[in-house]
């Protein structure tokens, strides 16, 4: 089974959502990507359909935008 990917930027909204996601999905089934510190993955997130963070990309490619912390364009 592929992992979900949780993209965030480290803001308070993102950190709160990260804690909720990690409580809902077992750690081995979700990869957490901090786009504020790993700028190399912003393009990957965009290609997956992420428009803002925090966002969860499911193994089948659905993008679940959670609240609003930052626009993906702000992270470039």
PDB file of N, CA and C in Angstrom:
ATOM      1  N   UNK A   1       0.835  -1.185   0.000  1.00  0.00           N
ATOM      2  CA  UNK A   1       0.000   0.000   0.000  1.00  0.00           C
ATOM      3  C   UNK A   1       0.876   1.243   0.000  1.00  0.00           C
ATOM      4  N   UNK A   2       0.546   2.184  -0.861  1.00  0.00           N
ATOM      5  CA  UNK A   2       1.266   3.450  -0.878  1.00  0.00           C
ATOM      6  C   UNK A   2       0.891   4.288   0.335  1.00  0.00           C
ATOM      7  N   UNK A   3       1.746   5.236   0.643  1.00  0.00           N
ATOM      8  CA  UNK A   3       1.494   6.154   1.758  1.00  0.00           C
ATOM      9  C   UNK A   3       0.739   7.384   1.282  1.00  0.00           C
ATOM     10  N   UNK A   4       0.002   7.980   2.203  1.00  0.00           N
ATOM     11  CA  UNK A   4      -0.520   9.314   1.989  1.00  0.00           C
ATOM     12  C   UNK A   4       0.637  10.276   2.224  1.00  0.00           C
ATOM     13  N   UNK A   5       0.552  11.469   1.655  1.00  0.00           N
ATOM     14  CA  UNK A   5       1.581  12.487   1.897  1.00  0.00           C
ATOM     15  C   UNK A   5       0.886  13.721   2.452  1.00  0.00           C
ATOM     16  N   UNK A   6       1.357  14.163   3.603  1.00  0.00           N
ATOM     17  CA  UNK A   6       0.818  15.363   4.236  1.00  0.00           C
ATOM     18  C   UNK A   6       1.823  16.485   4.026  1.00  0.00           C
ATOM     19  N   UNK A   7       1.422  17.492   3.256  1.00  0.00           N
ATOM     20  CA  UNK A   7       2.277  18.653   2.983  1.00  0.00           C
ATOM     21  C   UNK A   7       1.866  19.792   3.905  1.00  0.00           C
ATOM     22  N   UNK A   8       2.867  20.462   4.462  1.00  0.00           N
ATOM     23  CA  UNK A   8       2.575  21.628   5.304  1.00  0.00           C
ATOM     24  C   UNK A   8       3.739  22.601   5.265  1.00  0.00           C
ATOM     25  N   UNK A   9       3.541  23.776   5.878  1.00  0.00           N
ATOM     26  CA  UNK A   9       4.561  24.822   5.835  1.00  0.00           C
ATOM     27  C   UNK A   9       5.083  25.215   7.216  1.00  0.00           C
ATOM     28  N   UNK A  10       4.632  24.524   8.246  1.00  0.00           N
ATOM     29  CA  UNK A  10       5.142  24.802   9.587  1.00  0.00           C
ATOM     30  C   UNK A  10       4.398  25.865  10.363  1.00  0.00           C
ATOM     31  N   UNK A  11       3.385  26.471   9.774  1.00  0.00           N
ATOM     32  CA  UNK A  11       2.613  27.498  10.486  1.00  0.00           C
ATOM     33  C   UNK A  11       1.745  26.830  11.568  1.00  0.00           C
ATOM     34  N   UNK A  12       1.193  27.599  12.487  1.00  0.00           N
ATOM     35  CA  UNK A  12       0.371  27.003  13.551  1.00  0.00           C
ATOM     36  C   UNK A  12      -0.809  26.176  13.020  1.00  0.00           C
ATOM     37  N   UNK A  13      -1.462  26.634  11.950  1.00  0.00           N
ATOM     38  CA  UNK A  13      -2.568  25.867  11.357  1.00  0.00           C
ATOM     39  C   UNK A  13      -2.055  24.517  10.863  1.00  0.00           C
ATOM     40  N   UNK A  14      -0.905  24.536  10.206  1.00  0.00           N
ATOM     41  CA  UNK A  14      -0.316  23.312   9.657  1.00  0.00           C
ATOM     42  C   UNK A  14       0.113  22.344  10.750  1.00  0.00           C
ATOM     43  N   UNK A  15       0.747  22.855  11.778  1.00  0.00           N
ATOM     44  CA  UNK A  15       1.231  22.002  12.871  1.00  0.00           C
ATOM     45  C   UNK A  15       0.053  21.349  13.590  1.00  0.00           C
ATOM     46  N   UNK A  16      -1.004  22.096  13.794  1.00  0.00           N
ATOM     47  CA  UNK A  16      -2.198  21.543  14.427  1.00  0.00           C
ATOM     48  C   UNK A  16      -2.806  20.439  13.554  1.00  0.00           C
ATOM     49  N   UNK A  17      -2.909  20.690  12.250  1.00  0.00           N
ATOM     50  CA  UNK A  17      -3.450  19.687  11.330  1.00  0.00           C
ATOM     51  C   UNK A  17      -2.547  18.459  11.274  1.00  0.00           C
ATOM     52  N   UNK A  18      -1.232  18.673  11.324  1.00  0.00           N
ATOM     53  CA  UNK A  18      -0.296  17.546  11.318  1.00  0.00           C
ATOM     54  C   UNK A  18      -0.550  16.631  12.507  1.00  0.00           C
ATOM     55  N   UNK A  19      -0.731  17.208  13.678  1.00  0.00           N
ATOM     56  CA  UNK A  19      -0.986  16.395  14.874  1.00  0.00           C
ATOM     57  C   UNK A  19      -2.280  15.596  14.725  1.00  0.00           C
ATOM     58  N   UNK A  20      -3.308  16.225  14.164  1.00  0.00           N
ATOM     59  CA  UNK A  20      -4.575  15.516  13.950  1.00  0.00           C
ATOM     60  C   UNK A  20      -4.407  14.380  12.948  1.00  0.00           C
ATOM     61  N   UNK A  21      -3.698  14.644  11.858  1.00  0.00           N
ATOM     62  CA  UNK A  21      -3.471  13.614  10.838  1.00  0.00           C
ATOM     63  C   UNK A  21      -2.707  12.439  11.441  1.00  0.00           C
ATOM     64  N   UNK A  22      -1.666  12.735  12.214  1.00  0.00           N
ATOM     65  CA  UNK A  22      -0.864  11.665  12.804  1.00  0.00           C
ATOM     66  C   UNK A  22      -1.637  10.877  13.850  1.00  0.00           C
ATOM     67  N   UNK A  23      -2.661  11.479  14.429  1.00  0.00           N
ATOM     68  CA  UNK A  23      -3.527  10.744  15.353  1.00  0.00           C
ATOM     69  C   UNK A  23      -4.529   9.871  14.606  1.00  0.00           C
ATOM     70  N   UNK A  24      -4.849  10.233  13.364  1.00  0.00           N
ATOM     71  CA  UNK A  24      -5.836   9.496  12.577  1.00  0.00           C
ATOM     72  C   UNK A  24      -5.221   8.396  11.708  1.00  0.00           C
ATOM     73  N   UNK A  25      -4.033   8.673  11.176  1.00  0.00           N
ATOM     74  CA  UNK A  25      -3.386   7.743  10.248  1.00  0.00           C
ATOM     75  C   UNK A  25      -2.098   7.231  10.898  1.00  0.00           C
ATOM     76  N   UNK A  26      -1.889   5.920  10.945  1.00  0.00           N
ATOM     77  CA  UNK A  26      -0.649   5.393  11.517  1.00  0.00           C
ATOM     78  C   UNK A  26       0.586   5.979  10.820  1.00  0.00           C
ATOM     79  N   UNK A  27       1.610   6.260  11.594  1.00  0.00           N
ATOM     80  CA  UNK A  27       2.827   6.909  11.106  1.00  0.00           C
ATOM     81  C   UNK A  27       3.405   6.220   9.877  1.00  0.00           C
ATOM     82  N   UNK A  28       3.377   4.914   9.820  1.00  0.00           N
ATOM     83  CA  UNK A  28       3.930   4.183   8.687  1.00  0.00           C
ATOM     84  C   UNK A  28       3.127   4.328   7.412  1.00  0.00           C
ATOM     85  N   UNK A  29       1.934   4.937   7.496  1.00  0.00           N
ATOM     86  CA  UNK A  29       1.081   5.073   6.327  1.00  0.00           C
ATOM     87  C   UNK A  29       0.978   6.518   5.824  1.00  0.00           C
ATOM     88  N   UNK A  30       1.725   7.416   6.452  1.00  0.00           N
ATOM     89  CA  UNK A  30       1.707   8.814   6.021  1.00  0.00           C
ATOM     90  C   UNK A  30       3.117   9.388   6.082  1.00  0.00           C
ATOM     91  N   UNK A  31       3.485  10.110   5.034  1.00  0.00           N
ATOM     92  CA  UNK A  31       4.759  10.823   4.997  1.00  0.00           C
ATOM     93  C   UNK A  31       4.457  12.294   5.226  1.00  0.00           C
ATOM     94  N   UNK A  32       5.174  12.911   6.138  1.00  0.00           N
ATOM     95  CA  UNK A  32       4.988  14.332   6.428  1.00  0.00           C
ATOM     96  C   UNK A  32       6.096  15.111   5.714  1.00  0.00           C
ATOM     97  N   UNK A  33       5.685  16.091   4.916  1.00  0.00           N
ATOM     98  CA  UNK A  33       6.639  16.911   4.158  1.00  0.00           C
ATOM     99  C   UNK A  33       6.440  18.371   4.546  1.00  0.00           C
ATOM    100  N   UNK A  34       7.483  18.956   5.108  1.00  0.00           N
ATOM    101  CA  UNK A  34       7.472  20.365   5.526  1.00  0.00           C
ATOM    102  C   UNK A  34       8.027  21.181   4.362  1.00  0.00           C
ATOM    103  N   UNK A  35       7.145  21.791   3.588  1.00  0.00           N
ATOM    104  CA  UNK A  35       7.566  22.539   2.399  1.00  0.00           C
ATOM    105  C   UNK A  35       8.294  23.836   2.735  1.00  0.00           C
ATOM    106  N   UNK A  36       8.170  24.291   3.959  1.00  0.00           N
ATOM    107  CA  UNK A  36       8.897  25.484   4.369  1.00  0.00           C
ATOM    108  C   UNK A  36      10.392  25.232   4.477  1.00  0.00           C
ATOM    109  N   UNK A  37      10.756  23.994   4.803  1.00  0.00           N
ATOM    110  CA  UNK A  37      12.176  23.656   4.933  1.00  0.00           C
ATOM    111  C   UNK A  37      12.675  22.774   3.789  1.00  0.00           C
ATOM    112  N   UNK A  38      11.770  22.176   3.025  1.00  0.00           N
ATOM    113  CA  UNK A  38      12.157  21.329   1.901  1.00  0.00           C
ATOM    114  C   UNK A  38      11.528  21.868   0.616  1.00  0.00           C
ATOM    115  N   UNK A  39      12.077  22.982   0.144  1.00  0.00           N
ATOM    116  CA  UNK A  39      11.553  23.671  -1.038  1.00  0.00           C
ATOM    117  C   UNK A  39      11.631  22.804  -2.299  1.00  0.00           C
ATOM    118  N   UNK A  40      12.503  21.806  -2.301  1.00  0.00           N
ATOM    119  CA  UNK A  40      12.653  20.951  -3.472  1.00  0.00           C
ATOM    120  C   UNK A  40      11.391  20.148  -3.756  1.00  0.00           C
ATOM    121  N   UNK A  41      10.485  20.041  -2.800  1.00  0.00           N
ATOM    122  CA  UNK A  41       9.281  19.222  -2.974  1.00  0.00           C
ATOM    123  C   UNK A  41       8.035  20.046  -3.323  1.00  0.00           C
ATOM    124  N   UNK A  42       8.190  21.374  -3.447  1.00  0.00           N
ATOM    125  CA  UNK A  42       7.050  22.232  -3.793  1.00  0.00           C
ATOM    126  C   UNK A  42       6.493  21.861  -5.163  1.00  0.00           C
ATOM    127  N   UNK A  43       7.353  21.660  -6.146  1.00  0.00           N
ATOM    128  CA  UNK A  43       6.910  21.287  -7.489  1.00  0.00           C
ATOM    129  C   UNK A  43       6.165  19.962  -7.469  1.00  0.00           C
ATOM    130  N   UNK A  44       6.666  19.017  -6.704  1.00  0.00           N
ATOM    131  CA  UNK A  44       5.999  17.721  -6.545  1.00  0.00           C
ATOM    132  C   UNK A  44       4.583  17.906  -5.994  1.00  0.00           C
ATOM    133  N   UNK A  45       4.459  18.742  -4.979  1.00  0.00           N
ATOM    134  CA  UNK A  45       3.150  18.997  -4.379  1.00  0.00           C
ATOM    135  C   UNK A  45       2.212  19.638  -5.398  1.00  0.00           C
ATOM    136  N   UNK A  46       2.725  20.608  -6.149  1.00  0.00           N
ATOM    137  CA  UNK A  46       1.918  21.269  -7.183  1.00  0.00           C
ATOM    138  C   UNK A  46       1.428  20.262  -8.228  1.00  0.00           C
ATOM    139  N   UNK A  47       2.323  19.388  -8.670  1.00  0.00           N
ATOM    140  CA  UNK A  47       1.958  18.383  -9.671  1.00  0.00           C
ATOM    141  C   UNK A  47       0.898  17.418  -9.138  1.00  0.00           C
ATOM    142  N   UNK A  48       0.897  17.205  -7.823  1.00  0.00           N
ATOM    143  CA  UNK A  48      -0.103  16.329  -7.200  1.00  0.00           C
ATOM    144  C   UNK A  48      -1.451  17.026  -7.073  1.00  0.00           C
ATOM    145  N   UNK A  49      -1.483  18.360  -7.271  1.00  0.00           N
ATOM    146  CA  UNK A  49      -2.728  19.111  -7.197  1.00  0.00           C
ATOM    147  C   UNK A  49      -2.901  19.940  -5.941  1.00  0.00           C
ATOM    148  N   UNK A  50      -1.844  20.040  -5.139  1.00  0.00           N
ATOM    149  CA  UNK A  50      -1.913  20.838  -3.912  1.00  0.00           C
ATOM    150  C   UNK A  50      -1.935  22.318  -4.277  1.00  0.00           C
ATOM    151  N   UNK A  51      -2.940  23.029  -3.794  1.00  0.00           N
ATOM    152  CA  UNK A  51      -3.087  24.465  -4.050  1.00  0.00           C
ATOM    153  C   UNK A  51      -2.727  25.302  -2.827  1.00  0.00           C
ATOM    154  N   UNK A  52      -2.891  24.693  -1.644  1.00  0.00           N
ATOM    155  CA  UNK A  52      -2.566  25.366  -0.393  1.00  0.00           C
ATOM    156  C   UNK A  52      -2.230  24.297   0.644  1.00  0.00           C
ATOM    157  N   UNK A  53      -1.567  24.720   1.672  1.00  0.00           N
ATOM    158  CA  UNK A  53      -1.229  23.800   2.769  1.00  0.00           C
ATOM    159  C   UNK A  53      -1.884  24.293   4.051  1.00  0.00           C
ATOM    160  N   UNK A  54      -2.194  23.395   4.936  1.00  0.00           N
ATOM    161  CA  UNK A  54      -1.919  21.967   4.923  1.00  0.00           C
ATOM    162  C   UNK A  54      -2.830  21.223   3.948  1.00  0.00           C
ATOM    163  N   UNK A  55      -2.279  20.146   3.383  1.00  0.00           N
ATOM    164  CA  UNK A  55      -3.039  19.305   2.463  1.00  0.00           C
ATOM    165  C   UNK A  55      -2.552  17.865   2.578  1.00  0.00           C
ATOM    166  N   UNK A  56      -3.479  16.956   2.409  1.00  0.00           N
ATOM    167  CA  UNK A  56      -3.171  15.531   2.439  1.00  0.00           C
ATOM    168  C   UNK A  56      -3.454  14.961   1.055  1.00  0.00           C
ATOM    169  N   UNK A  57      -2.460  14.299   0.474  1.00  0.00           N
ATOM    170  CA  UNK A  57      -2.638  13.615  -0.800  1.00  0.00           C
ATOM    171  C   UNK A  57      -2.764  12.130  -0.474  1.00  0.00           C
ATOM    172  N   UNK A  58      -3.895  11.559  -0.851  1.00  0.00           N
ATOM    173  CA  UNK A  58      -4.160  10.155  -0.543  1.00  0.00           C
ATOM    174  C   UNK A  58      -3.453   9.257  -1.551  1.00  0.00           C
ATOM    175  N   UNK A  59      -3.295   7.967  -1.227  1.00  0.00           N
ATOM    176  CA  UNK A  59      -2.607   7.060  -2.141  1.00  0.00           C
ATOM    177  C   UNK A  59      -3.226   6.985  -3.540  1.00  0.00           C
ATOM    178  N   UNK A  60      -4.534   7.232  -3.660  1.00  0.00           N
ATOM    179  CA  UNK A  60      -5.149   7.188  -4.988  1.00  0.00           C
ATOM    180  C   UNK A  60      -5.145   8.549  -5.683  1.00  0.00           C
ATOM    181  N   UNK A  61      -4.465   9.546  -5.103  1.00  0.00           N
ATOM    182  CA  UNK A  61      -4.273  10.838  -5.766  1.00  0.00           C
ATOM    183  C   UNK A  61      -5.247  11.934  -5.410  1.00  0.00           C
ATOM    184  N   UNK A  62      -6.194  11.665  -4.520  1.00  0.00           N
ATOM    185  CA  UNK A  62      -7.096  12.740  -4.088  1.00  0.00           C
ATOM    186  C   UNK A  62      -6.335  13.715  -3.206  1.00  0.00           C
ATOM    187  N   UNK A  63      -6.624  15.004  -3.381  1.00  0.00           N
ATOM    188  CA  UNK A  63      -5.988  16.037  -2.564  1.00  0.00           C
ATOM    189  C   UNK A  63      -7.037  16.591  -1.611  1.00  0.00           C
ATOM    190  N   UNK A  64      -6.763  16.486  -0.330  1.00  0.00           N
ATOM    191  CA  UNK A  64      -7.666  16.998   0.693  1.00  0.00           C
ATOM    192  C   UNK A  64      -7.030  18.240   1.297  1.00  0.00           C
ATOM    193  N   UNK A  65      -7.564  19.404   0.943  1.00  0.00           N
ATOM    194  CA  UNK A  65      -7.062  20.659   1.496  1.00  0.00           C
ATOM    195  C   UNK A  65      -7.701  20.858   2.862  1.00  0.00           C
ATOM    196  N   UNK A  66      -6.873  21.065   3.858  1.00  0.00           N
ATOM    197  CA  UNK A  66      -7.329  21.158   5.247  1.00  0.00           C
ATOM    198  C   UNK A  66      -7.135  22.585   5.728  1.00  0.00           C
ATOM    199  N   UNK A  67      -8.244  23.269   6.031  1.00  0.00           N
ATOM    200  CA  UNK A  67      -8.168  24.649   6.515  1.00  0.00           C
ATOM    201  C   UNK A  67      -7.341  25.467   5.520  1.00  0.00           C
ATOM    202  N   UNK A  68      -6.680  26.504   5.949  1.00  0.00           N
ATOM    203  CA  UNK A  68      -5.810  27.281   5.063  1.00  0.00           C
ATOM    204  C   UNK A  68      -4.676  27.861   5.885  1.00  0.00           C
ATOM    205  N   UNK A  69      -3.466  27.457   5.541  1.00  0.00           N
ATOM    206  CA  UNK A  69      -2.281  27.979   6.207  1.00  0.00           C
ATOM    207  C   UNK A  69      -1.505  28.899   5.284  1.00  0.00           C
ATOM    208  N   UNK A  70      -1.271  28.424   4.045  1.00  0.00           N
ATOM    209  CA  UNK A  70      -0.516  29.206   3.069  1.00  0.00           C
ATOM    210  C   UNK A  70      -0.804  28.679   1.665  1.00  0.00           C
ATOM    211  N   UNK A  71      -0.761  29.561   0.706  1.00  0.00           N
ATOM    212  CA  UNK A  71      -0.897  29.186  -0.693  1.00  0.00           C
ATOM    213  C   UNK A  71       0.389  28.524  -1.142  1.00  0.00           C
ATOM    214  N   UNK A  72       0.282  27.555  -2.046  1.00  0.00           N
ATOM    215  CA  UNK A  72       1.480  26.894  -2.549  1.00  0.00           C
ATOM    216  C   UNK A  72       2.395  27.902  -3.245  1.00  0.00           C
ATOM    217  N   UNK A  73       1.832  28.923  -3.876  1.00  0.00           N
ATOM    218  CA  UNK A  73       2.653  29.938  -4.541  1.00  0.00           C
ATOM    219  C   UNK A  73       3.479  30.742  -3.556  1.00  0.00           C
ATOM    220  N   UNK A  74       3.010  30.860  -2.315  1.00  0.00           N
ATOM    221  CA  UNK A  74       3.777  31.568  -1.278  1.00  0.00           C
ATOM    222  C   UNK A  74       5.005  30.801  -0.847  1.00  0.00           C
ATOM    223  N   UNK A  75       5.062  29.513  -1.150  1.00  0.00           N
ATOM    224  CA  UNK A  75       6.176  28.673  -0.702  1.00  0.00           C
ATOM    225  C   UNK A  75       7.307  28.595  -1.704  1.00  0.00           C
ATOM    226  N   UNK A  76       7.103  29.165  -2.887  1.00  0.00           N
ATOM    227  CA  UNK A  76       8.147  29.110  -3.936  1.00  0.00           C
ATOM    228  C   UNK A  76       9.281  30.041  -3.627  1.00  0.00           C
TER     229      UNK A  76
END
